[in-house]
Protein backbone atom coordinates (compact mmCIF):
# COMPACT_ATOMS: atom_id res chain seq x y z
CA UNK A 1 1.41 3.49 2.16
CA UNK A 2 1.37 4.32 5.85
CA UNK A 3 -1.88 3.55 7.68
CA UNK A 4 -2.49 7.20 8.58
CA UNK A 5 -2.01 8.25 4.96
CA UNK A 6 -4.39 5.51 3.79
CA UNK A 7 -7.07 6.55 6.28
CA UNK A 8 -6.72 10.19 5.23
CA UNK A 9 -7.07 9.24 1.56
CA UNK A 10 -10.31 7.35 2.27
CA UNK A 11 -11.64 10.37 4.20
CA UNK A 12 -10.68 12.65 1.30
CA UNK A 13 -12.57 10.42 -1.12
CA UNK A 14 -15.62 10.59 1.16
CA UNK A 15 -15.35 14.38 1.33
CA UNK A 16 -15.02 14.64 -2.45
CA UNK A 17 -18.06 12.42 -2.99
CA UNK A 18 -20.07 14.59 -0.61
CA UNK A 19 -18.93 17.78 -2.36
CA UNK A 20 -19.93 16.32 -5.73
CA UNK A 21 -23.44 15.61 -4.48
CA UNK A 22 -22.92 11.85 -4.17
CA UNK A 23 -22.26 11.28 -0.46
CA UNK A 24 -21.34 7.87 0.91
CA UNK A 25 -22.70 6.94 4.32
CA UNK A 26 -20.31 6.29 7.22
CA UNK A 27 -21.00 2.53 7.20
CA UNK A 28 -19.98 2.14 3.57
CA UNK A 29 -16.99 4.44 3.97
CA UNK A 30 -15.79 2.45 6.98
CA UNK A 31 -16.36 -0.86 5.18
CA UNK A 32 -14.37 0.39 2.19
CA UNK A 33 -11.56 1.46 4.49
CA UNK A 34 -11.47 -1.91 6.25
CA UNK A 35 -11.69 -3.88 3.01
CA UNK A 36 -8.65 -2.08 1.64
CA UNK A 37 -6.38 -2.68 4.63
CA UNK A 38 -4.82 -5.87 3.28
CA UNK A 39 -4.07 -9.29 4.68
CA UNK A 40 -2.19 -8.03 7.73
CA UNK A 41 -5.50 -6.70 9.07
CA UNK A 42 -7.76 -9.68 8.22
CA UNK A 43 -8.47 -10.55 11.87
CA UNK A 44 -9.31 -6.93 12.64
CA UNK A 45 -11.50 -6.69 9.52
CA UNK A 46 -13.38 -9.87 10.46
CA UNK A 47 -14.06 -8.64 13.98
CA UNK A 48 -15.22 -5.21 12.80
CA UNK A 49 -17.48 -6.45 10.00
CA UNK A 50 -19.41 -9.06 11.99
């Protein structure tokens, strides 16, 4: 999956949770996005989550 497509899918999930009355805060949404990036982004993930 292309990075842009992946990011859009995470945003869509966040929007759907909000619409269903179960919003996720930006911190958790961002953490979920970073956690799902895969091994190629481990250094980036480590720097963003510290």
